[in-house]
Amino acid sequence: MEYRQGSLVLLLAMPAVAVAAPENFGVIDIAGHRHPQFIYAEPRHGSAAAAGREPVYLHVPRDQTKQWSRYCSLYKACDRPAFFVSEEWFYGTFLGMAKDSVETESAAGDGAPGVHR
């Protein structure tokens, strides 16, 4: 947004959240959050070295969960079992907001980047 006051121009950065923005994906700390909802009941393993190690909890694009061994290196998580939290749980419980409200705010036409699906 831009506000003009005399010859002074003030630019205000409006924070926007895009569902597919890279900063929304990655390893998350679920400590203190009750009952996380996972996409799969069992963890995925990026490599044989992951078996028997402490799991890691992630929010990643759904298509990456299906071929985890191909994408695990992006998150430095190939050597650990991986649990993927659901979109609904991530936005509703972890971030404390409904996904719909994030999409509505970022796609409101205020110059903010829209939601990528």
C-alpha atoms as a PDB file:
ATOM      1  CA  MET A   1       0.000   0.000   0.000  1.00  0.00           C
ATOM      2  CA  GLU A   2       1.137   3.500  -0.651  1.00  0.00           C
ATOM      3  CA  TYR A   3       0.058   6.605   1.212  1.00  0.00           C
ATOM      4  CA  ARG A   4       0.995  10.090   0.050  1.00  0.00           C
ATOM      5  CA  GLN A   5       1.382  12.897   2.509  1.00  0.00           C
ATOM      6  CA  GLY A   6       2.597  16.064   0.840  1.00  0.00           C
ATOM      7  CA  SER A   7       5.777  15.126  -0.984  1.00  0.00           C
ATOM      8  CA  LEU A   8       6.499  12.236   1.398  1.00  0.00           C
ATOM      9  CA  VAL A   9       5.552   8.783   0.195  1.00  0.00           C
ATOM     10  CA  LEU A  10       5.069   6.092   2.821  1.00  0.00           C
ATOM     11  CA  LEU A  11       5.137   2.491   1.692  1.00  0.00           C
ATOM     12  CA  LEU A  12       3.638  -0.035   4.060  1.00  0.00           C
ATOM     13  CA  ALA A  13       4.414  -3.688   3.561  1.00  0.00           C
ATOM     14  CA  MET A  14       1.294  -5.776   3.896  1.00  0.00           C
ATOM     15  CA  PRO A  15       2.173  -9.274   5.089  1.00  0.00           C
ATOM     16  CA  ALA A  16       0.649 -11.963   2.931  1.00  0.00           C
ATOM     17  CA  VAL A  17       0.622 -15.709   3.313  1.00  0.00           C
ATOM     18  CA  ALA A  18       0.614 -17.860   0.213  1.00  0.00           C
ATOM     19  CA  VAL A  19      -0.237 -21.490   0.844  1.00  0.00           C
ATOM     20  CA  ALA A  20       2.547 -22.754  -1.416  1.00  0.00           C
ATOM     21  CA  ALA A  21       5.179 -20.233  -0.334  1.00  0.00           C
ATOM     22  CA  PRO A  22       8.420 -22.070   0.482  1.00  0.00           C
ATOM     23  CA  GLU A  23       8.605 -20.537   3.959  1.00  0.00           C
ATOM     24  CA  ASN A  24       5.393 -22.365   4.869  1.00  0.00           C
ATOM     25  CA  PHE A  25       6.978 -25.761   4.208  1.00  0.00           C
ATOM     26  CA  GLY A  26       9.549 -27.656   6.207  1.00  0.00           C
ATOM     27  CA  VAL A  27      10.277 -29.234   9.560  1.00  0.00           C
ATOM     28  CA  ILE A  28       7.952 -28.125  12.358  1.00  0.00           C
ATOM     29  CA  ASP A  29       8.145 -28.497  16.131  1.00  0.00           C
ATOM     30  CA  ILE A  30       4.903 -30.067  17.308  1.00  0.00           C
ATOM     31  CA  ALA A  31       5.779 -29.864  21.021  1.00  0.00           C
ATOM     32  CA  GLY A  32       2.867 -28.369  22.903  1.00  0.00           C
ATOM     33  CA  HIS A  33       0.379 -29.173  20.138  1.00  0.00           C
ATOM     34  CA  ARG A  34      -2.059 -31.922  20.969  1.00  0.00           C
ATOM     35  CA  HIS A  35      -3.209 -34.569  18.540  1.00  0.00           C
ATOM     36  CA  PRO A  36      -1.441 -33.679  15.307  1.00  0.00           C
ATOM     37  CA  GLN A  37      -3.216 -35.040  12.245  1.00  0.00           C
ATOM     38  CA  PHE A  38      -0.927 -36.921   9.901  1.00  0.00           C
ATOM     39  CA  ILE A  39      -1.421 -37.639   6.218  1.00  0.00           C
ATOM     40  CA  TYR A  40      -0.188 -41.222   6.713  1.00  0.00           C
ATOM     41  CA  ALA A  41      -0.465 -43.328   9.869  1.00  0.00           C
ATOM     42  CA  GLU A  42       3.080 -44.679   9.410  1.00  0.00           C
ATOM     43  CA  PRO A  43       6.183 -42.553   8.803  1.00  0.00           C
ATOM     44  CA  ARG A  44       7.841 -42.424   5.383  1.00  0.00           C
ATOM     45  CA  HIS A  45      11.533 -43.210   5.093  1.00  0.00           C
ATOM     46  CA  GLY A  46      13.775 -41.308   2.694  1.00  0.00           C
ATOM     47  CA  SER A  47      16.543 -43.872   3.069  1.00  0.00           C
ATOM     48  CA  ALA A  48      17.314 -47.123   4.871  1.00  0.00           C
ATOM     49  CA  ALA A  49      19.300 -45.102   7.444  1.00  0.00           C
ATOM     50  CA  ALA A  50      16.042 -43.567   8.723  1.00  0.00           C
ATOM     51  CA  ALA A  51      14.824 -46.754  10.374  1.00  0.00           C
ATOM     52  CA  GLY A  52      15.028 -46.703  14.168  1.00  0.00           C
ATOM     53  CA  ARG A  53      15.765 -42.986  14.504  1.00  0.00           C
ATOM     54  CA  GLU A  54      13.669 -40.229  16.078  1.00  0.00           C
ATOM     55  CA  PRO A  55      10.979 -39.026  13.667  1.00  0.00           C
ATOM     56  CA  VAL A  56      10.765 -35.592  12.144  1.00  0.00           C
ATOM     57  CA  TYR A  57       7.461 -33.759  11.610  1.00  0.00           C
ATOM     58  CA  LEU A  58       6.961 -31.808   8.423  1.00  0.00           C
ATOM     59  CA  HIS A  59       4.543 -29.684   6.467  1.00  0.00           C
ATOM     60  CA  VAL A  60       5.309 -30.272   2.778  1.00  0.00           C
ATOM     61  CA  PRO A  61       3.345 -30.204  -0.495  1.00  0.00           C
ATOM     62  CA  ARG A  62       1.172 -33.308  -0.764  1.00  0.00           C
ATOM     63  CA  ASP A  63       2.775 -34.528  -4.010  1.00  0.00           C
ATOM     64  CA  GLN A  64       6.184 -34.604  -2.292  1.00  0.00           C
ATOM     65  CA  THR A  65       4.908 -37.002   0.373  1.00  0.00           C
ATOM     66  CA  LYS A  66       4.101 -39.581  -2.297  1.00  0.00           C
ATOM     67  CA  GLN A  67       7.709 -39.709  -3.537  1.00  0.00           C
ATOM     68  CA  TRP A  68       9.439 -38.797  -0.287  1.00  0.00           C
ATOM     69  CA  SER A  69      12.829 -40.338  -1.136  1.00  0.00           C
ATOM     70  CA  ARG A  70      13.012 -37.944  -4.088  1.00  0.00           C
ATOM     71  CA  TYR A  71      12.316 -34.806  -1.988  1.00  0.00           C
ATOM     72  CA  CYS A  72      13.645 -35.566   1.509  1.00  0.00           C
ATOM     73  CA  SER A  73      17.004 -33.933   0.784  1.00  0.00           C
ATOM     74  CA  LEU A  74      15.262 -30.563   0.290  1.00  0.00           C
ATOM     75  CA  TYR A  75      14.368 -30.669   3.997  1.00  0.00           C
ATOM     76  CA  LYS A  76      17.536 -32.440   5.202  1.00  0.00           C
ATOM     77  CA  ALA A  77      15.330 -35.245   6.466  1.00  0.00           C
ATOM     78  CA  CYS A  78      16.400 -38.345   4.520  1.00  0.00           C
ATOM     79  CA  ASP A  79      18.036 -39.941   7.548  1.00  0.00           C
ATOM     80  CA  ARG A  80      14.934 -39.785   9.774  1.00  0.00           C
ATOM     81  CA  PRO A  81      11.422 -41.231   9.623  1.00  0.00           C
ATOM     82  CA  ALA A  82       9.049 -38.497   8.445  1.00  0.00           C
ATOM     83  CA  PHE A  83       5.492 -37.769   9.541  1.00  0.00           C
ATOM     84  CA  PHE A  84       3.580 -35.265   7.405  1.00  0.00           C
ATOM     85  CA  VAL A  85       0.947 -33.103   9.061  1.00  0.00           C
ATOM     86  CA  SER A  86      -2.290 -32.388   7.214  1.00  0.00           C
ATOM     87  CA  GLU A  87      -3.023 -28.970   5.712  1.00  0.00           C
ATOM     88  CA  GLU A  88      -6.075 -28.568   7.958  1.00  0.00           C
ATOM     89  CA  TRP A  89      -4.100 -29.314  11.119  1.00  0.00           C
ATOM     90  CA  PHE A  90      -1.168 -27.111  10.059  1.00  0.00           C
ATOM     91  CA  TYR A  91      -3.303 -24.031   9.421  1.00  0.00           C
ATOM     92  CA  GLY A  92      -6.081 -24.649  11.940  1.00  0.00           C
ATOM     93  CA  THR A  93      -4.139 -25.914  14.964  1.00  0.00           C
ATOM     94  CA  PHE A  94      -0.442 -25.262  14.416  1.00  0.00           C
ATOM     95  CA  LEU A  95      -0.801 -21.728  13.044  1.00  0.00           C
ATOM     96  CA  GLY A  96      -4.126 -21.136  14.780  1.00  0.00           C
ATOM     97  CA  MET A  97      -6.037 -20.003  11.734  1.00  0.00           C
ATOM     98  CA  ALA A  98      -8.393 -21.534   9.249  1.00  0.00           C
ATOM     99  CA  LYS A  99      -6.865 -22.212   5.838  1.00  0.00           C
ATOM    100  CA  ASP A 100      -9.862 -20.525   4.209  1.00  0.00           C
ATOM    101  CA  SER A 101      -9.144 -17.272   6.033  1.00  0.00           C
ATOM    102  CA  VAL A 102      -5.513 -17.361   4.867  1.00  0.00           C
ATOM    103  CA  GLU A 103      -6.619 -17.916   1.276  1.00  0.00           C
ATOM    104  CA  THR A 104      -9.235 -15.170   1.499  1.00  0.00           C
ATOM    105  CA  GLU A 105      -6.795 -12.631   2.928  1.00  0.00           C
ATOM    106  CA  SER A 106      -4.005 -13.355   0.464  1.00  0.00           C
ATOM    107  CA  ALA A 107      -6.288 -13.456  -2.586  1.00  0.00           C
ATOM    108  CA  ALA A 108      -8.202 -10.310  -1.649  1.00  0.00           C
ATOM    109  CA  GLY A 109      -6.821  -8.331  -4.557  1.00  0.00           C
ATOM    110  CA  ASP A 110      -4.757  -5.946  -2.433  1.00  0.00           C
ATOM    111  CA  GLY A 111      -1.622  -6.533  -4.476  1.00  0.00           C
ATOM    112  CA  ALA A 112      -0.541  -9.397  -2.251  1.00  0.00           C
ATOM    113  CA  PRO A 113       0.489 -12.629  -3.874  1.00  0.00           C
ATOM    114  CA  GLY A 114      -2.404 -15.032  -4.337  1.00  0.00           C
ATOM    115  CA  VAL A 115      -2.743 -18.568  -3.166  1.00  0.00           C
ATOM    116  CA  HIS A 116      -1.055 -21.220  -5.277  1.00  0.00           C
ATOM    117  CA  ARG A 117      -2.659 -24.632  -5.410  1.00  0.00           C
END
